[in-house]
Amino acid sequence: KIEGTKSVVGPAAGAAAGGALGSTIGHGSGRTVATVLGAIAGGVAGAAVEEGVTQKDGLEITVKLDNGDAVVVVQEADVPFAVGDRVRVLTGSDGTTRVSK
């Protein structure tokens, strides 16, 4: 699996939902504590959900180059490869490398 996204969106949404839910519990200082705890728990849960739903299946591809060197590339499993396929190793301006047929 390729790691999912880790941004502020999941934790922020979770914290907002958790805080809103926590604010419905208790009265006075008890409500304040429940709101804070709900926001913290919601933020943690939101981060986990975001990472989980954005994970992707990945491939670790070992390519033997024409000069005899070997490179290993990990990328999303969006293109099927078979042993012996002729491929191209592409490196973008941002430094990311992909294998393409």
PDB file of N, CA and C in Angstrom:
ATOM      1  N   LYS A   1       0.834  -1.196   0.000  1.00  0.00           N
ATOM      2  CA  LYS A   1       0.000   0.000   0.000  1.00  0.00           C
ATOM      3  C   LYS A   1       0.869   1.247   0.000  1.00  0.00           C
ATOM      4  N   ILE A   2       0.416   2.247  -0.721  1.00  0.00           N
ATOM      5  CA  ILE A   2       1.075   3.546  -0.717  1.00  0.00           C
ATOM      6  C   ILE A   2       0.352   4.413   0.300  1.00  0.00           C
ATOM      7  N   GLU A   3       1.134   5.080   1.147  1.00  0.00           N
ATOM      8  CA  GLU A   3       0.574   5.907   2.207  1.00  0.00           C
ATOM      9  C   GLU A   3      -0.453   6.889   1.688  1.00  0.00           C
ATOM     10  N   GLY A   4      -1.495   7.104   2.492  1.00  0.00           N
ATOM     11  CA  GLY A   4      -2.522   8.062   2.121  1.00  0.00           C
ATOM     12  C   GLY A   4      -2.114   9.486   2.453  1.00  0.00           C
ATOM     13  N   THR A   5      -2.966  10.406   2.076  1.00  0.00           N
ATOM     14  CA  THR A   5      -2.738  11.832   2.288  1.00  0.00           C
ATOM     15  C   THR A   5      -2.796  12.175   3.769  1.00  0.00           C
ATOM     16  N   LYS A   6      -1.903  13.052   4.175  1.00  0.00           N
ATOM     17  CA  LYS A   6      -1.917  13.576   5.544  1.00  0.00           C
ATOM     18  C   LYS A   6      -1.949  15.094   5.434  1.00  0.00           C
ATOM     19  N   SER A   7      -3.140  15.661   5.493  1.00  0.00           N
ATOM     20  CA  SER A   7      -3.280  17.114   5.413  1.00  0.00           C
ATOM     21  C   SER A   7      -4.043  17.591   6.637  1.00  0.00           C
ATOM     22  N   VAL A   8      -4.418  18.841   6.649  1.00  0.00           N
ATOM     23  CA  VAL A   8      -5.193  19.374   7.774  1.00  0.00           C
ATOM     24  C   VAL A   8      -6.689  19.144   7.594  1.00  0.00           C
ATOM     25  N   VAL A   9      -7.107  18.689   6.420  1.00  0.00           N
ATOM     26  CA  VAL A   9      -8.536  18.548   6.137  1.00  0.00           C
ATOM     27  C   VAL A   9      -9.187  17.515   7.050  1.00  0.00           C
ATOM     28  N   GLY A  10      -8.629  16.309   7.112  1.00  0.00           N
ATOM     29  CA  GLY A  10      -9.212  15.246   7.938  1.00  0.00           C
ATOM     30  C   GLY A  10      -9.267  15.609   9.409  1.00  0.00           C
ATOM     31  N   PRO A  11      -8.127  16.014  10.000  1.00  0.00           N
ATOM     32  CA  PRO A  11      -8.160  16.389  11.410  1.00  0.00           C
ATOM     33  C   PRO A  11      -9.078  17.573  11.706  1.00  0.00           C
ATOM     34  N   ALA A  12      -9.101  18.569  10.820  1.00  0.00           N
ATOM     35  CA  ALA A  12      -9.950  19.741  11.056  1.00  0.00           C
ATOM     36  C   ALA A  12     -11.422  19.366  11.016  1.00  0.00           C
ATOM     37  N   ALA A  13     -11.800  18.567  10.019  1.00  0.00           N
ATOM     38  CA  ALA A  13     -13.200  18.142   9.922  1.00  0.00           C
ATOM     39  C   ALA A  13     -13.577  17.274  11.115  1.00  0.00           C
ATOM     40  N   GLY A  14     -12.674  16.370  11.501  1.00  0.00           N
ATOM     41  CA  GLY A  14     -12.938  15.510  12.654  1.00  0.00           C
ATOM     42  C   GLY A  14     -13.044  16.300  13.942  1.00  0.00           C
ATOM     43  N   ALA A  15     -12.160  17.276  14.112  1.00  0.00           N
ATOM     44  CA  ALA A  15     -12.190  18.105  15.320  1.00  0.00           C
ATOM     45  C   ALA A  15     -13.475  18.915  15.398  1.00  0.00           C
ATOM     46  N   ALA A  16     -13.909  19.458  14.268  1.00  0.00           N
ATOM     47  CA  ALA A  16     -15.156  20.229  14.252  1.00  0.00           C
ATOM     48  C   ALA A  16     -16.339  19.342  14.613  1.00  0.00           C
ATOM     49  N   ALA A  17     -16.387  18.158  14.012  1.00  0.00           N
ATOM     50  CA  ALA A  17     -17.497  17.243  14.301  1.00  0.00           C
ATOM     51  C   ALA A  17     -17.443  16.769  15.748  1.00  0.00           C
ATOM     52  N   GLY A  18     -16.240  16.417  16.218  1.00  0.00           N
ATOM     53  CA  GLY A  18     -16.097  15.955  17.600  1.00  0.00           C
ATOM     54  C   GLY A  18     -16.434  17.037  18.605  1.00  0.00           C
ATOM     55  N   GLY A  19     -16.000  18.255  18.325  1.00  0.00           N
ATOM     56  CA  GLY A  19     -16.320  19.372  19.214  1.00  0.00           C
ATOM     57  C   GLY A  19     -17.806  19.659  19.252  1.00  0.00           C
ATOM     58  N   ALA A  20     -18.450  19.592  18.087  1.00  0.00           N
ATOM     59  CA  ALA A  20     -19.900  19.825  18.029  1.00  0.00           C
ATOM     60  C   ALA A  20     -20.643  18.751  18.807  1.00  0.00           C
ATOM     61  N   LEU A  21     -20.212  17.503  18.640  1.00  0.00           N
ATOM     62  CA  LEU A  21     -20.859  16.408  19.368  1.00  0.00           C
ATOM     63  C   LEU A  21     -20.608  16.545  20.866  1.00  0.00           C
ATOM     64  N   GLY A  22     -19.353  16.868  21.235  1.00  0.00           N
ATOM     65  CA  GLY A  22     -19.024  17.026  22.653  1.00  0.00           C
ATOM     66  C   GLY A  22     -19.788  18.155  23.315  1.00  0.00           C
ATOM     67  N   SER A  23     -20.110  19.185  22.559  1.00  0.00           N
ATOM     68  CA  SER A  23     -20.819  20.335  23.136  1.00  0.00           C
ATOM     69  C   SER A  23     -22.261  20.014  23.502  1.00  0.00           C
ATOM     70  N   THR A  24     -22.748  18.868  23.071  1.00  0.00           N
ATOM     71  CA  THR A  24     -24.121  18.479  23.416  1.00  0.00           C
ATOM     72  C   THR A  24     -24.180  17.701  24.724  1.00  0.00           C
ATOM     73  N   ILE A  25     -23.005  17.461  25.328  1.00  0.00           N
ATOM     74  CA  ILE A  25     -22.939  16.653  26.550  1.00  0.00           C
ATOM     75  C   ILE A  25     -22.725  17.563  27.752  1.00  0.00           C
ATOM     76  N   GLY A  26     -23.482  17.349  28.798  1.00  0.00           N
ATOM     77  CA  GLY A  26     -23.283  18.035  30.062  1.00  0.00           C
ATOM     78  C   GLY A  26     -23.682  19.498  30.053  1.00  0.00           C
ATOM     79  N   HIS A  27     -23.299  20.174  31.178  1.00  0.00           N
ATOM     80  CA  HIS A  27     -23.592  21.598  31.365  1.00  0.00           C
ATOM     81  C   HIS A  27     -22.368  22.278  31.954  1.00  0.00           C
ATOM     82  N   GLY A  28     -22.242  23.568  31.759  1.00  0.00           N
ATOM     83  CA  GLY A  28     -21.170  24.360  32.368  1.00  0.00           C
ATOM     84  C   GLY A  28     -19.792  23.857  31.998  1.00  0.00           C
ATOM     85  N   SER A  29     -18.933  23.699  33.054  1.00  0.00           N
ATOM     86  CA  SER A  29     -17.551  23.279  32.799  1.00  0.00           C
ATOM     87  C   SER A  29     -17.487  21.846  32.274  1.00  0.00           C
ATOM     88  N   GLY A  30     -18.461  21.018  32.611  1.00  0.00           N
ATOM     89  CA  GLY A  30     -18.519  19.652  32.072  1.00  0.00           C
ATOM     90  C   GLY A  30     -18.712  19.668  30.565  1.00  0.00           C
ATOM     91  N   ARG A  31     -19.528  20.585  30.099  1.00  0.00           N
ATOM     92  CA  ARG A  31     -19.746  20.719  28.654  1.00  0.00           C
ATOM     93  C   ARG A  31     -18.457  21.190  27.970  1.00  0.00           C
ATOM     94  N   THR A  32     -17.753  22.124  28.606  1.00  0.00           N
ATOM     95  CA  THR A  32     -16.493  22.616  28.039  1.00  0.00           C
ATOM     96  C   THR A  32     -15.481  21.484  27.911  1.00  0.00           C
ATOM     97  N   VAL A  33     -15.350  20.676  28.959  1.00  0.00           N
ATOM     98  CA  VAL A  33     -14.426  19.537  28.933  1.00  0.00           C
ATOM     99  C   VAL A  33     -14.840  18.556  27.838  1.00  0.00           C
ATOM    100  N   ALA A  34     -16.125  18.252  27.749  1.00  0.00           N
ATOM    101  CA  ALA A  34     -16.616  17.325  26.724  1.00  0.00           C
ATOM    102  C   ALA A  34     -16.361  17.872  25.322  1.00  0.00           C
ATOM    103  N   THR A  35     -16.522  19.168  25.148  1.00  0.00           N
ATOM    104  CA  THR A  35     -16.269  19.788  23.839  1.00  0.00           C
ATOM    105  C   THR A  35     -14.801  19.658  23.455  1.00  0.00           C
ATOM    106  N   VAL A  36     -13.906  19.957  24.391  1.00  0.00           N
ATOM    107  CA  VAL A  36     -12.463  19.864  24.122  1.00  0.00           C
ATOM    108  C   VAL A  36     -12.065  18.417  23.835  1.00  0.00           C
ATOM    109  N   LEU A  37     -12.510  17.488  24.673  1.00  0.00           N
ATOM    110  CA  LEU A  37     -12.178  16.073  24.456  1.00  0.00           C
ATOM    111  C   LEU A  37     -12.763  15.563  23.142  1.00  0.00           C
ATOM    112  N   GLY A  38     -13.972  15.992  22.825  1.00  0.00           N
ATOM    113  CA  GLY A  38     -14.584  15.602  21.551  1.00  0.00           C
ATOM    114  C   GLY A  38     -13.797  16.122  20.365  1.00  0.00           C
ATOM    115  N   ALA A  39     -13.311  17.359  20.469  1.00  0.00           N
ATOM    116  CA  ALA A  39     -12.516  17.942  19.384  1.00  0.00           C
ATOM    117  C   ALA A  39     -11.196  17.197  19.212  1.00  0.00           C
ATOM    118  N   ILE A  40     -10.547  16.847  20.313  1.00  0.00           N
ATOM    119  CA  ILE A  40      -9.276  16.107  20.233  1.00  0.00           C
ATOM    120  C   ILE A  40      -9.499  14.729  19.623  1.00  0.00           C
ATOM    121  N   ALA A  41     -10.481  13.998  20.152  1.00  0.00           N
ATOM    122  CA  ALA A  41     -10.763  12.658  19.626  1.00  0.00           C
ATOM    123  C   ALA A  41     -11.192  12.726  18.163  1.00  0.00           C
ATOM    124  N   GLY A  42     -11.992  13.710  17.827  1.00  0.00           N
ATOM    125  CA  GLY A  42     -12.432  13.873  16.441  1.00  0.00           C
ATOM    126  C   GLY A  42     -11.279  14.182  15.503  1.00  0.00           C
ATOM    127  N   GLY A  43     -10.338  14.994  15.953  1.00  0.00           N
ATOM    128  CA  GLY A  43      -9.165  15.320  15.140  1.00  0.00           C
ATOM    129  C   GLY A  43      -8.313  14.098  14.859  1.00  0.00           C
ATOM    130  N   VAL A  44      -8.096  13.277  15.890  1.00  0.00           N
ATOM    131  CA  VAL A  44      -7.319  12.042  15.718  1.00  0.00           C
ATOM    132  C   VAL A  44      -8.045  11.091  14.773  1.00  0.00           C
ATOM    133  N   ALA A  45      -9.341  10.917  14.989  1.00  0.00           N
ATOM    134  CA  ALA A  45     -10.126  10.026  14.126  1.00  0.00           C
ATOM    135  C   ALA A  45     -10.174  10.551  12.695  1.00  0.00           C
ATOM    136  N   GLY A  46     -10.331  11.847  12.535  1.00  0.00           N
ATOM    137  CA  GLY A  46     -10.375  12.439  11.194  1.00  0.00           C
ATOM    138  C   GLY A  46      -9.084  12.228  10.429  1.00  0.00           C
ATOM    139  N   ALA A  47      -7.952  12.334  11.114  1.00  0.00           N
ATOM    140  CA  ALA A  47      -6.654  12.100  10.470  1.00  0.00           C
ATOM    141  C   ALA A  47      -6.541  10.655  10.005  1.00  0.00           C
ATOM    142  N   ALA A  48      -6.973   9.718  10.854  1.00  0.00           N
ATOM    143  CA  ALA A  48      -6.903   8.295  10.496  1.00  0.00           C
ATOM    144  C   ALA A  48      -7.818   7.973   9.323  1.00  0.00           C
ATOM    145  N   VAL A  49      -9.009   8.538   9.326  1.00  0.00           N
ATOM    146  CA  VAL A  49      -9.950   8.294   8.228  1.00  0.00           C
ATOM    147  C   VAL A  49      -9.394   8.851   6.924  1.00  0.00           C
ATOM    148  N   GLU A  50      -8.870  10.072   6.955  1.00  0.00           N
ATOM    149  CA  GLU A  50      -8.320  10.671   5.734  1.00  0.00           C
ATOM    150  C   GLU A  50      -7.200   9.809   5.162  1.00  0.00           C
ATOM    151  N   GLU A  51      -6.283   9.375   6.021  1.00  0.00           N
ATOM    152  CA  GLU A  51      -5.170   8.562   5.527  1.00  0.00           C
ATOM    153  C   GLU A  51      -5.670   7.227   4.983  1.00  0.00           C
ATOM    154  N   GLY A  52      -6.641   6.628   5.666  1.00  0.00           N
ATOM    155  CA  GLY A  52      -7.167   5.337   5.225  1.00  0.00           C
ATOM    156  C   GLY A  52      -7.873   5.387   3.886  1.00  0.00           C
ATOM    157  N   VAL A  53      -8.682   6.397   3.669  1.00  0.00           N
ATOM    158  CA  VAL A  53      -9.451   6.451   2.415  1.00  0.00           C
ATOM    159  C   VAL A  53      -8.615   6.926   1.231  1.00  0.00           C
ATOM    160  N   THR A  54      -7.438   7.492   1.482  1.00  0.00           N
ATOM    161  CA  THR A  54      -6.604   7.948   0.370  1.00  0.00           C
ATOM    162  C   THR A  54      -5.434   7.006   0.079  1.00  0.00           C
ATOM    163  N   GLN A  55      -5.347   5.878   0.810  1.00  0.00           N
ATOM    164  CA  GLN A  55      -4.312   4.885   0.506  1.00  0.00           C
ATOM    165  C   GLN A  55      -4.576   4.264  -0.851  1.00  0.00           C
ATOM    166  N   LYS A  56      -3.503   3.857  -1.522  1.00  0.00           N
ATOM    167  CA  LYS A  56      -3.636   3.235  -2.840  1.00  0.00           C
ATOM    168  C   LYS A  56      -2.786   1.977  -2.889  1.00  0.00           C
ATOM    169  N   ASP A  57      -3.205   1.024  -3.732  1.00  0.00           N
ATOM    170  CA  ASP A  57      -2.378  -0.149  -3.956  1.00  0.00           C
ATOM    171  C   ASP A  57      -1.137   0.278  -4.712  1.00  0.00           C
ATOM    172  N   GLY A  58       0.004  -0.304  -4.355  1.00  0.00           N
ATOM    173  CA  GLY A  58       1.252   0.074  -4.995  1.00  0.00           C
ATOM    174  C   GLY A  58       2.020  -1.126  -5.512  1.00  0.00           C
ATOM    175  N   LEU A  59       2.959  -0.854  -6.388  1.00  0.00           N
ATOM    176  CA  LEU A  59       3.866  -1.860  -6.928  1.00  0.00           C
ATOM    177  C   LEU A  59       5.295  -1.426  -6.655  1.00  0.00           C
ATOM    178  N   GLU A  60       6.145  -2.389  -6.319  1.00  0.00           N
ATOM    179  CA  GLU A  60       7.579  -2.148  -6.272  1.00  0.00           C
ATOM    180  C   GLU A  60       8.140  -2.796  -7.529  1.00  0.00           C
ATOM    181  N   ILE A  61       8.632  -1.986  -8.446  1.00  0.00           N
ATOM    182  CA  ILE A  61       9.059  -2.459  -9.760  1.00  0.00           C
ATOM    183  C   ILE A  61      10.579  -2.350  -9.854  1.00  0.00           C
ATOM    184  N   THR A  62      11.231  -3.471 -10.140  1.00  0.00           N
ATOM    185  CA  THR A  62      12.672  -3.474 -10.372  1.00  0.00           C
ATOM    186  C   THR A  62      12.896  -3.490 -11.877  1.00  0.00           C
ATOM    187  N   VAL A  63      13.637  -2.502 -12.364  1.00  0.00           N
ATOM    188  CA  VAL A  63      13.882  -2.363 -13.800  1.00  0.00           C
ATOM    189  C   VAL A  63      15.376  -2.525 -14.062  1.00  0.00           C
ATOM    190  N   LYS A  64      15.712  -3.435 -14.991  1.00  0.00           N
ATOM    191  CA  LYS A  64      17.102  -3.568 -15.429  1.00  0.00           C
ATOM    192  C   LYS A  64      17.272  -2.669 -16.643  1.00  0.00           C
ATOM    193  N   LEU A  65      18.131  -1.663 -16.493  1.00  0.00           N
ATOM    194  CA  LEU A  65      18.354  -0.698 -17.566  1.00  0.00           C
ATOM    195  C   LEU A  65      19.234  -1.298 -18.663  1.00  0.00           C
ATOM    196  N   ASP A  66      19.205  -0.683 -19.827  1.00  0.00           N
ATOM    197  CA  ASP A  66      20.001  -1.161 -20.962  1.00  0.00           C
ATOM    198  C   ASP A  66      21.498  -1.194 -20.654  1.00  0.00           C
ATOM    199  N   ASN A  67      21.964  -0.318 -19.751  1.00  0.00           N
ATOM    200  CA  ASN A  67      23.394  -0.297 -19.405  1.00  0.00           C
ATOM    201  C   ASN A  67      23.753  -1.322 -18.330  1.00  0.00           C
ATOM    202  N   GLY A  68      22.767  -2.128 -17.894  1.00  0.00           N
ATOM    203  CA  GLY A  68      23.009  -3.168 -16.898  1.00  0.00           C
ATOM    204  C   GLY A  68      22.680  -2.766 -15.475  1.00  0.00           C
ATOM    205  N   ASP A  69      22.549  -1.474 -15.211  1.00  0.00           N
ATOM    206  CA  ASP A  69      22.171  -1.016 -13.871  1.00  0.00           C
ATOM    207  C   ASP A  69      20.725  -1.408 -13.583  1.00  0.00           C
ATOM    208  N   ALA A  70      20.385  -1.435 -12.308  1.00  0.00           N
ATOM    209  CA  ALA A  70      19.005  -1.714 -11.911  1.00  0.00           C
ATOM    210  C   ALA A  70      18.491  -0.561 -11.061  1.00  0.00           C
ATOM    211  N   VAL A  71      17.224  -0.226 -11.227  1.00  0.00           N
ATOM    212  CA  VAL A  71      16.564   0.775 -10.393  1.00  0.00           C
ATOM    213  C   VAL A  71      15.272   0.169  -9.865  1.00  0.00           C
ATOM    214  N   VAL A  72      14.887   0.604  -8.686  1.00  0.00           N
ATOM    215  CA  VAL A  72      13.637   0.151  -8.085  1.00  0.00           C
ATOM    216  C   VAL A  72      12.735   1.363  -7.926  1.00  0.00           C
ATOM    217  N   VAL A  73      11.504   1.238  -8.402  1.00  0.00           N
ATOM    218  CA  VAL A  73      10.536   2.328  -8.334  1.00  0.00           C
ATOM    219  C   VAL A  73       9.284   1.807  -7.641  1.00  0.00           C
ATOM    220  N   VAL A  74       8.771   2.563  -6.685  1.00  0.00           N
ATOM    221  CA  VAL A  74       7.487   2.247  -6.050  1.00  0.00           C
ATOM    222  C   VAL A  74       6.484   3.257  -6.574  1.00  0.00           C
ATOM    223  N   GLN A  75       5.384   2.750  -7.120  1.00  0.00           N
ATOM    224  CA  GLN A  75       4.372   3.640  -7.681  1.00  0.00           C
ATOM    225  C   GLN A  75       3.001   3.008  -7.546  1.00  0.00           C
ATOM    226  N   GLU A  76       1.978   3.822  -7.799  1.00  0.00           N
ATOM    227  CA  GLU A  76       0.600   3.348  -7.760  1.00  0.00           C
ATOM    228  C   GLU A  76       0.422   2.222  -8.781  1.00  0.00           C
ATOM    229  N   ALA A  77      -0.360   1.218  -8.398  1.00  0.00           N
ATOM    230  CA  ALA A  77      -0.593   0.053  -9.260  1.00  0.00           C
ATOM    231  C   ALA A  77      -1.682   0.360 -10.279  1.00  0.00           C
ATOM    232  N   ASP A  78      -1.443   1.368 -11.117  1.00  0.00           N
ATOM    233  CA  ASP A  78      -2.455   1.784 -12.086  1.00  0.00           C
ATOM    234  C   ASP A  78      -2.172   1.279 -13.497  1.00  0.00           C
ATOM    235  N   VAL A  79      -1.018   0.647 -13.703  1.00  0.00           N
ATOM    236  CA  VAL A  79      -0.656   0.082 -15.006  1.00  0.00           C
ATOM    237  C   VAL A  79      -0.138  -1.330 -14.759  1.00  0.00           C
ATOM    238  N   PRO A  80      -0.690  -2.343 -15.455  1.00  0.00           N
ATOM    239  CA  PRO A  80      -0.188  -3.709 -15.243  1.00  0.00           C
ATOM    240  C   PRO A  80       1.155  -3.919 -15.953  1.00  0.00           C
ATOM    241  N   PHE A  81       2.066  -4.609 -15.276  1.00  0.00           N
ATOM    242  CA  PHE A  81       3.368  -4.939 -15.848  1.00  0.00           C
ATOM    243  C   PHE A  81       3.580  -6.441 -15.741  1.00  0.00           C
ATOM    244  N   ALA A  82       4.356  -6.992 -16.666  1.00  0.00           N
ATOM    245  CA  ALA A  82       4.736  -8.400 -16.620  1.00  0.00           C
ATOM    246  C   ALA A  82       6.255  -8.481 -16.714  1.00  0.00           C
ATOM    247  N   VAL A  83       6.815  -9.542 -16.143  1.00  0.00           N
ATOM    248  CA  VAL A  83       8.259  -9.748 -16.223  1.00  0.00           C
ATOM    249  C   VAL A  83       8.669  -9.757 -17.689  1.00  0.00           C
ATOM    250  N   GLY A  84       9.704  -9.008 -18.013  1.00  0.00           N
ATOM    251  CA  GLY A  84      10.211  -8.954 -19.380  1.00  0.00           C
ATOM    252  C   GLY A  84       9.670  -7.812 -20.217  1.00  0.00           C
ATOM    253  N   ASP A  85       8.671  -7.092 -19.716  1.00  0.00           N
ATOM    254  CA  ASP A  85       8.140  -5.940 -20.459  1.00  0.00           C
ATOM    255  C   ASP A  85       9.245  -4.911 -20.699  1.00  0.00           C
ATOM    256  N   ARG A  86       9.274  -4.326 -21.898  1.00  0.00           N
ATOM    257  CA  ARG A  86      10.137  -3.176 -22.168  1.00  0.00           C
ATOM    258  C   ARG A  86       9.406  -1.950 -21.619  1.00  0.00           C
ATOM    259  N   VAL A  87      10.093  -1.172 -20.809  1.00  0.00           N
ATOM    260  CA  VAL A  87       9.466  -0.016 -20.166  1.00  0.00           C
ATOM    261  C   VAL A  87      10.379   1.195 -20.274  1.00  0.00           C
ATOM    262  N   ARG A  88       9.808   2.343 -19.921  1.00  0.00           N
ATOM    263  CA  ARG A  88      10.572   3.584 -19.820  1.00  0.00           C
ATOM    264  C   ARG A  88      10.545   4.030 -18.368  1.00  0.00           C
ATOM    265  N   VAL A  89      11.663   4.542 -17.889  1.00  0.00           N
ATOM    266  CA  VAL A  89      11.741   5.107 -16.545  1.00  0.00           C
ATOM    267  C   VAL A  89      11.743   6.621 -16.716  1.00  0.00           C
ATOM    268  N   LEU A  90      10.695   7.258 -16.209  1.00  0.00           N
ATOM    269  CA  LEU A  90      10.506   8.702 -16.394  1.00  0.00           C
ATOM    270  C   LEU A  90      10.686   9.425 -15.067  1.00  0.00           C
ATOM    271  N   THR A  91      11.466  10.495 -15.079  1.00  0.00           N
ATOM    272  CA  THR A  91      11.645  11.312 -13.883  1.00  0.00           C
ATOM    273  C   THR A  91      11.156  12.718 -14.189  1.00  0.00           C
ATOM    274  N   GLY A  92      10.200  13.187 -13.376  1.00  0.00           N
ATOM    275  CA  GLY A  92       9.620  14.514 -13.570  1.00  0.00           C
ATOM    276  C   GLY A  92      10.497  15.610 -12.998  1.00  0.00           C
ATOM    277  N   SER A  93      10.135  16.840 -13.291  1.00  0.00           N
ATOM    278  CA  SER A  93      10.895  17.996 -12.802  1.00  0.00           C
ATOM    279  C   SER A  93      10.843  18.115 -11.277  1.00  0.00           C
ATOM    280  N   ASP A  94       9.825  17.480 -10.666  1.00  0.00           N
ATOM    281  CA  ASP A  94       9.713  17.505  -9.206  1.00  0.00           C
ATOM    282  C   ASP A  94      10.492  16.372  -8.546  1.00  0.00           C
ATOM    283  N   GLY A  95      11.186  15.552  -9.352  1.00  0.00           N
ATOM    284  CA  GLY A  95      12.004  14.473  -8.807  1.00  0.00           C
ATOM    285  C   GLY A  95      11.299  13.138  -8.677  1.00  0.00           C
ATOM    286  N   THR A  96       9.994  13.089  -8.951  1.00  0.00           N
ATOM    287  CA  THR A  96       9.282  11.815  -8.865  1.00  0.00           C
ATOM    288  C   THR A  96       9.607  10.961 -10.086  1.00  0.00           C
ATOM    289  N   THR A  97       9.708   9.659  -9.861  1.00  0.00           N
ATOM    290  CA  THR A  97      10.044   8.723 -10.927  1.00  0.00           C
ATOM    291  C   THR A  97       8.909   7.732 -11.094  1.00  0.00           C
ATOM    292  N   ARG A  98       8.572   7.437 -12.354  1.00  0.00           N
ATOM    293  CA  ARG A  98       7.529   6.460 -12.680  1.00  0.00           C
ATOM    294  C   ARG A  98       8.040   5.538 -13.767  1.00  0.00           C
ATOM    295  N   VAL A  99       7.451   4.353 -13.808  1.00  0.00           N
ATOM    296  CA  VAL A  99       7.724   3.399 -14.874  1.00  0.00           C
ATOM    297  C   VAL A  99       6.507   3.396 -15.784  1.00  0.00           C
ATOM    298  N   SER A 100       6.749   3.439 -17.088  1.00  0.00           N
ATOM    299  CA  SER A 100       5.671   3.499 -18.071  1.00  0.00           C
ATOM    300  C   SER A 100       5.949   2.501 -19.178  1.00  0.00           C
ATOM    301  N   LYS A 101       4.876   1.970 -19.770  1.00  0.00           N
ATOM    302  CA  LYS A 101       5.035   1.062 -20.915  1.00  0.00           C
ATOM    303  C   LYS A 101       5.220   1.856 -22.178  1.00  0.00           C
TER     304      LYS A 101
END
